[in-house]
Amino acid sequence: MNDVMISTMNDMPGYKVTEVFGEVFGLTTRSRNAISSMGQGLKQIAGGEIKGYTSLQHSSREEAIARLKDEAAKKGANAILAMRFDSSTFGTVDSVAAYGTAVKVEKL
């Protein structure tokens, strides 16, 4: 899995695409516990960054990327092109999708 490179571009400078495996996804949905959520709710009243939610979003993104790389590797890819994120929040639940095109690349 660690050998899978990711590019947000449609290509990877210094490499050529030799095979395309198609679209891959890495999905995760997480929630904070109720007590933590109440504390974060009080923070909303005072204003400022809500660090608990920032941390949740960061860890959700990292998990989605790991799952994306794993799915690409299972298809035989060594790279993902045009990687993007999509996220949504429903109350205390944070859902993140990382997606892109799984490809095999070779160094030029």
N, C-alpha and C. Protein backbone atom coordinates (compact mmCIF):
# COMPACT_ATOMS: atom_id res chain seq x y z
N MET A 1 0.82 -1.20 0.00
CA MET A 1 0.00 0.00 0.00
C MET A 1 0.86 1.26 0.00
N ASN A 2 1.98 1.27 0.70
CA ASN A 2 2.82 2.45 0.77
C ASN A 2 3.46 2.80 -0.56
N ASP A 3 3.46 1.85 -1.51
CA ASP A 3 4.07 2.09 -2.81
C ASP A 3 3.14 2.82 -3.76
N VAL A 4 1.90 3.07 -3.38
CA VAL A 4 0.93 3.74 -4.25
C VAL A 4 1.13 5.25 -4.13
N MET A 5 1.51 5.86 -5.25
CA MET A 5 1.69 7.32 -5.29
C MET A 5 0.36 7.99 -5.60
N ILE A 6 0.19 9.22 -5.14
CA ILE A 6 -1.05 9.95 -5.39
C ILE A 6 -0.71 11.30 -6.01
N SER A 7 -1.47 11.65 -7.05
CA SER A 7 -1.34 12.97 -7.67
C SER A 7 -2.74 13.58 -7.78
N THR A 8 -2.85 14.85 -7.46
CA THR A 8 -4.12 15.53 -7.66
C THR A 8 -4.24 16.04 -9.10
N MET A 9 -3.16 15.91 -9.85
CA MET A 9 -3.17 16.31 -11.26
C MET A 9 -3.67 15.15 -12.11
N ASN A 10 -3.91 15.41 -13.39
CA ASN A 10 -4.36 14.36 -14.30
C ASN A 10 -3.21 13.54 -14.86
N ASP A 11 -2.00 13.90 -14.48
CA ASP A 11 -0.82 13.14 -14.88
C ASP A 11 0.16 13.14 -13.72
N MET A 12 1.30 12.52 -13.93
CA MET A 12 2.33 12.47 -12.91
C MET A 12 3.66 12.80 -13.59
N PRO A 13 4.14 14.03 -13.43
CA PRO A 13 5.38 14.43 -14.12
C PRO A 13 6.51 13.45 -13.85
N GLY A 14 7.23 13.08 -14.93
CA GLY A 14 8.32 12.14 -14.82
C GLY A 14 7.91 10.70 -14.97
N TYR A 15 6.60 10.46 -15.15
CA TYR A 15 6.07 9.11 -15.30
C TYR A 15 5.14 9.05 -16.50
N LYS A 16 4.99 7.85 -17.06
CA LYS A 16 4.00 7.64 -18.11
C LYS A 16 3.02 6.57 -17.63
N VAL A 17 1.76 6.75 -17.98
CA VAL A 17 0.72 5.79 -17.62
C VAL A 17 0.80 4.62 -18.59
N THR A 18 0.90 3.41 -18.05
CA THR A 18 0.98 2.22 -18.90
C THR A 18 -0.29 1.36 -18.82
N GLU A 19 -1.10 1.59 -17.79
CA GLU A 19 -2.34 0.83 -17.65
C GLU A 19 -3.31 1.61 -16.77
N VAL A 20 -4.59 1.56 -17.11
CA VAL A 20 -5.63 2.24 -16.34
C VAL A 20 -6.57 1.19 -15.76
N PHE A 21 -6.78 1.25 -14.45
CA PHE A 21 -7.65 0.28 -13.77
C PHE A 21 -9.03 0.86 -13.46
N GLY A 22 -9.18 2.17 -13.55
CA GLY A 22 -10.47 2.80 -13.31
C GLY A 22 -10.57 3.49 -11.97
N GLU A 23 -11.76 3.93 -11.67
CA GLU A 23 -12.02 4.73 -10.48
C GLU A 23 -11.92 3.88 -9.21
N VAL A 24 -11.32 4.49 -8.18
CA VAL A 24 -11.22 3.85 -6.86
C VAL A 24 -11.69 4.83 -5.80
N PHE A 25 -12.17 4.27 -4.68
CA PHE A 25 -12.70 5.08 -3.58
C PHE A 25 -12.10 4.64 -2.25
N GLY A 26 -11.97 5.58 -1.37
CA GLY A 26 -11.66 5.31 0.03
C GLY A 26 -12.70 6.05 0.85
N LEU A 27 -13.51 5.32 1.59
CA LEU A 27 -14.63 5.93 2.33
C LEU A 27 -14.49 5.69 3.82
N THR A 28 -14.90 6.67 4.60
CA THR A 28 -14.97 6.50 6.04
C THR A 28 -16.05 7.42 6.59
N THR A 29 -16.70 6.97 7.64
CA THR A 29 -17.70 7.78 8.36
C THR A 29 -17.40 7.63 9.83
N ARG A 30 -17.24 8.76 10.50
CA ARG A 30 -16.87 8.75 11.92
C ARG A 30 -17.75 9.71 12.71
N SER A 31 -17.78 9.46 14.01
CA SER A 31 -18.56 10.30 14.90
C SER A 31 -17.78 10.53 16.20
N ARG A 32 -17.95 11.70 16.78
CA ARG A 32 -17.39 11.98 18.10
C ARG A 32 -18.38 11.48 19.14
N ASN A 33 -17.87 11.20 20.35
CA ASN A 33 -18.77 10.73 21.40
C ASN A 33 -19.67 11.88 21.88
N ALA A 34 -20.77 11.55 22.53
CA ALA A 34 -21.78 12.53 22.91
C ALA A 34 -21.24 13.60 23.86
N ILE A 35 -20.42 13.22 24.84
CA ILE A 35 -19.88 14.19 25.80
C ILE A 35 -18.96 15.18 25.09
N SER A 36 -18.11 14.68 24.22
CA SER A 36 -17.22 15.55 23.46
C SER A 36 -18.03 16.49 22.57
N SER A 37 -19.08 15.97 21.96
CA SER A 37 -19.91 16.79 21.08
C SER A 37 -20.59 17.92 21.84
N MET A 38 -21.02 17.65 23.08
CA MET A 38 -21.64 18.71 23.89
C MET A 38 -20.62 19.81 24.17
N GLY A 39 -19.39 19.42 24.50
CA GLY A 39 -18.34 20.40 24.75
C GLY A 39 -18.03 21.22 23.52
N GLN A 40 -18.01 20.58 22.37
CA GLN A 40 -17.76 21.30 21.13
C GLN A 40 -18.92 22.23 20.80
N GLY A 41 -20.14 21.81 21.16
CA GLY A 41 -21.31 22.66 20.95
C GLY A 41 -21.22 23.95 21.74
N LEU A 42 -20.71 23.88 22.98
CA LEU A 42 -20.51 25.08 23.77
C LEU A 42 -19.47 26.00 23.12
N LYS A 43 -18.47 25.40 22.50
CA LYS A 43 -17.43 26.19 21.82
C LYS A 43 -18.03 26.98 20.66
N GLN A 44 -19.06 26.43 20.03
CA GLN A 44 -19.71 27.13 18.92
C GLN A 44 -20.32 28.45 19.38
N ILE A 45 -20.79 28.49 20.60
CA ILE A 45 -21.39 29.71 21.13
C ILE A 45 -20.34 30.80 21.28
N ALA A 46 -19.16 30.43 21.78
CA ALA A 46 -18.08 31.40 22.01
C ALA A 46 -17.37 31.78 20.72
N GLY A 47 -17.42 30.93 19.72
CA GLY A 47 -16.72 31.20 18.46
C GLY A 47 -15.31 30.66 18.47
N GLY A 48 -14.67 30.70 17.34
CA GLY A 48 -13.31 30.21 17.20
C GLY A 48 -13.27 28.80 16.63
N GLU A 49 -12.05 28.30 16.48
CA GLU A 49 -11.87 26.95 15.92
C GLU A 49 -12.39 25.90 16.89
N ILE A 50 -13.07 24.92 16.33
CA ILE A 50 -13.56 23.79 17.12
C ILE A 50 -12.57 22.65 16.89
N LYS A 51 -11.56 22.59 17.75
CA LYS A 51 -10.43 21.69 17.54
C LYS A 51 -10.83 20.22 17.50
N GLY A 52 -11.83 19.83 18.25
CA GLY A 52 -12.28 18.44 18.24
C GLY A 52 -12.78 18.03 16.86
N TYR A 53 -13.53 18.92 16.21
CA TYR A 53 -14.03 18.62 14.88
C TYR A 53 -12.92 18.69 13.83
N THR A 54 -11.99 19.62 14.02
CA THR A 54 -10.84 19.69 13.12
C THR A 54 -10.05 18.40 13.17
N SER A 55 -9.82 17.89 14.36
CA SER A 55 -9.11 16.63 14.54
C SER A 55 -9.87 15.47 13.91
N LEU A 56 -11.19 15.44 14.09
CA LEU A 56 -12.02 14.40 13.50
C LEU A 56 -11.93 14.43 11.99
N GLN A 57 -11.99 15.62 11.41
CA GLN A 57 -11.92 15.74 9.96
C GLN A 57 -10.56 15.31 9.43
N HIS A 58 -9.50 15.69 10.13
CA HIS A 58 -8.15 15.30 9.71
C HIS A 58 -7.97 13.78 9.74
N SER A 59 -8.36 13.15 10.83
CA SER A 59 -8.20 11.70 10.94
C SER A 59 -9.09 10.97 9.93
N SER A 60 -10.25 11.52 9.64
CA SER A 60 -11.14 10.92 8.64
C SER A 60 -10.51 10.98 7.26
N ARG A 61 -9.89 12.11 6.93
CA ARG A 61 -9.20 12.24 5.63
C ARG A 61 -8.06 11.25 5.51
N GLU A 62 -7.26 11.11 6.57
CA GLU A 62 -6.14 10.17 6.55
C GLU A 62 -6.61 8.73 6.37
N GLU A 63 -7.70 8.37 7.04
CA GLU A 63 -8.26 7.02 6.89
C GLU A 63 -8.79 6.80 5.48
N ALA A 64 -9.45 7.80 4.91
CA ALA A 64 -9.97 7.69 3.55
C ALA A 64 -8.83 7.50 2.55
N ILE A 65 -7.73 8.22 2.73
CA ILE A 65 -6.58 8.07 1.83
C ILE A 65 -5.98 6.67 1.95
N ALA A 66 -5.84 6.17 3.16
CA ALA A 66 -5.30 4.82 3.36
C ALA A 66 -6.17 3.78 2.67
N ARG A 67 -7.48 3.92 2.77
CA ARG A 67 -8.38 2.98 2.13
C ARG A 67 -8.34 3.11 0.61
N LEU A 68 -8.19 4.35 0.12
CA LEU A 68 -8.06 4.60 -1.31
C LEU A 68 -6.82 3.89 -1.86
N LYS A 69 -5.69 4.05 -1.19
CA LYS A 69 -4.45 3.40 -1.61
C LYS A 69 -4.60 1.88 -1.59
N ASP A 70 -5.25 1.36 -0.57
CA ASP A 70 -5.44 -0.08 -0.45
C ASP A 70 -6.28 -0.62 -1.61
N GLU A 71 -7.36 0.07 -1.95
CA GLU A 71 -8.21 -0.38 -3.05
C GLU A 71 -7.45 -0.33 -4.38
N ALA A 72 -6.65 0.72 -4.58
CA ALA A 72 -5.86 0.82 -5.82
C ALA A 72 -4.84 -0.31 -5.91
N ALA A 73 -4.16 -0.58 -4.80
CA ALA A 73 -3.15 -1.65 -4.78
C ALA A 73 -3.78 -3.01 -5.07
N LYS A 74 -4.98 -3.25 -4.54
CA LYS A 74 -5.67 -4.51 -4.80
C LYS A 74 -5.99 -4.71 -6.28
N LYS A 75 -6.13 -3.61 -7.02
CA LYS A 75 -6.40 -3.69 -8.45
C LYS A 75 -5.11 -3.82 -9.26
N GLY A 76 -3.96 -3.69 -8.60
CA GLY A 76 -2.68 -3.78 -9.29
C GLY A 76 -2.06 -2.44 -9.64
N ALA A 77 -2.65 -1.36 -9.18
CA ALA A 77 -2.15 -0.02 -9.49
C ALA A 77 -0.97 0.35 -8.59
N ASN A 78 -0.13 1.24 -9.08
CA ASN A 78 0.94 1.79 -8.25
C ASN A 78 0.82 3.31 -8.13
N ALA A 79 -0.29 3.85 -8.68
CA ALA A 79 -0.51 5.30 -8.57
C ALA A 79 -2.01 5.59 -8.70
N ILE A 80 -2.37 6.78 -8.21
CA ILE A 80 -3.74 7.28 -8.33
C ILE A 80 -3.64 8.69 -8.89
N LEU A 81 -4.36 8.93 -9.98
CA LEU A 81 -4.37 10.25 -10.59
C LEU A 81 -5.69 10.96 -10.31
N ALA A 82 -5.65 12.29 -10.37
CA ALA A 82 -6.84 13.14 -10.21
C ALA A 82 -7.55 12.87 -8.88
N MET A 83 -6.78 12.67 -7.80
CA MET A 83 -7.36 12.39 -6.49
C MET A 83 -8.11 13.62 -5.98
N ARG A 84 -9.28 13.38 -5.44
CA ARG A 84 -10.13 14.42 -4.87
C ARG A 84 -10.75 13.93 -3.57
N PHE A 85 -11.28 14.89 -2.81
CA PHE A 85 -12.03 14.59 -1.59
C PHE A 85 -13.45 15.09 -1.73
N ASP A 86 -14.35 14.40 -1.09
CA ASP A 86 -15.71 14.87 -0.92
C ASP A 86 -16.04 14.60 0.53
N SER A 87 -16.60 15.56 1.22
CA SER A 87 -16.93 15.34 2.63
C SER A 87 -18.27 15.96 2.96
N SER A 88 -18.88 15.41 3.99
CA SER A 88 -20.14 15.96 4.48
C SER A 88 -20.23 15.69 5.98
N THR A 89 -20.97 16.53 6.64
CA THR A 89 -21.15 16.39 8.07
C THR A 89 -22.64 16.40 8.38
N PHE A 90 -23.06 15.43 9.17
CA PHE A 90 -24.45 15.33 9.61
C PHE A 90 -24.43 15.35 11.13
N GLY A 91 -24.61 16.51 11.72
CA GLY A 91 -24.54 16.62 13.18
C GLY A 91 -23.13 16.33 13.65
N THR A 92 -22.94 15.23 14.35
CA THR A 92 -21.62 14.87 14.86
C THR A 92 -20.93 13.80 14.01
N VAL A 93 -21.54 13.47 12.87
CA VAL A 93 -20.99 12.43 12.00
C VAL A 93 -20.30 13.08 10.81
N ASP A 94 -19.04 12.70 10.59
CA ASP A 94 -18.24 13.24 9.50
C ASP A 94 -17.99 12.11 8.51
N SER A 95 -18.37 12.32 7.26
CA SER A 95 -18.18 11.33 6.22
C SER A 95 -17.23 11.88 5.17
N VAL A 96 -16.20 11.10 4.81
CA VAL A 96 -15.21 11.54 3.85
C VAL A 96 -15.03 10.48 2.78
N ALA A 97 -15.00 10.91 1.53
CA ALA A 97 -14.69 10.04 0.40
C ALA A 97 -13.47 10.60 -0.31
N ALA A 98 -12.45 9.78 -0.48
CA ALA A 98 -11.31 10.12 -1.32
C ALA A 98 -11.46 9.27 -2.58
N TYR A 99 -11.26 9.88 -3.74
CA TYR A 99 -11.43 9.11 -4.97
C TYR A 99 -10.49 9.60 -6.05
N GLY A 100 -10.25 8.74 -7.02
CA GLY A 100 -9.38 9.07 -8.12
C GLY A 100 -9.33 7.92 -9.10
N THR A 101 -8.39 7.97 -10.04
CA THR A 101 -8.24 6.94 -11.06
C THR A 101 -7.00 6.11 -10.77
N ALA A 102 -7.18 4.81 -10.59
CA ALA A 102 -6.08 3.90 -10.32
C ALA A 102 -5.37 3.59 -11.64
N VAL A 103 -4.05 3.75 -11.63
CA VAL A 103 -3.25 3.51 -12.83
C VAL A 103 -1.94 2.82 -12.47
N LYS A 104 -1.32 2.28 -13.50
CA LYS A 104 0.06 1.80 -13.35
C LYS A 104 0.92 2.78 -14.11
N VAL A 105 1.99 3.27 -13.47
CA VAL A 105 2.88 4.22 -14.11
C VAL A 105 4.31 3.66 -14.10
N GLU A 106 5.09 4.15 -15.07
CA GLU A 106 6.51 3.81 -15.14
C GLU A 106 7.29 5.10 -15.25
N LYS A 107 8.44 5.13 -14.61
CA LYS A 107 9.31 6.30 -14.66
C LYS A 107 9.83 6.48 -16.08
N LEU A 108 9.86 7.72 -16.56
CA LEU A 108 10.37 8.00 -17.91
C LEU A 108 11.87 7.83 -17.97
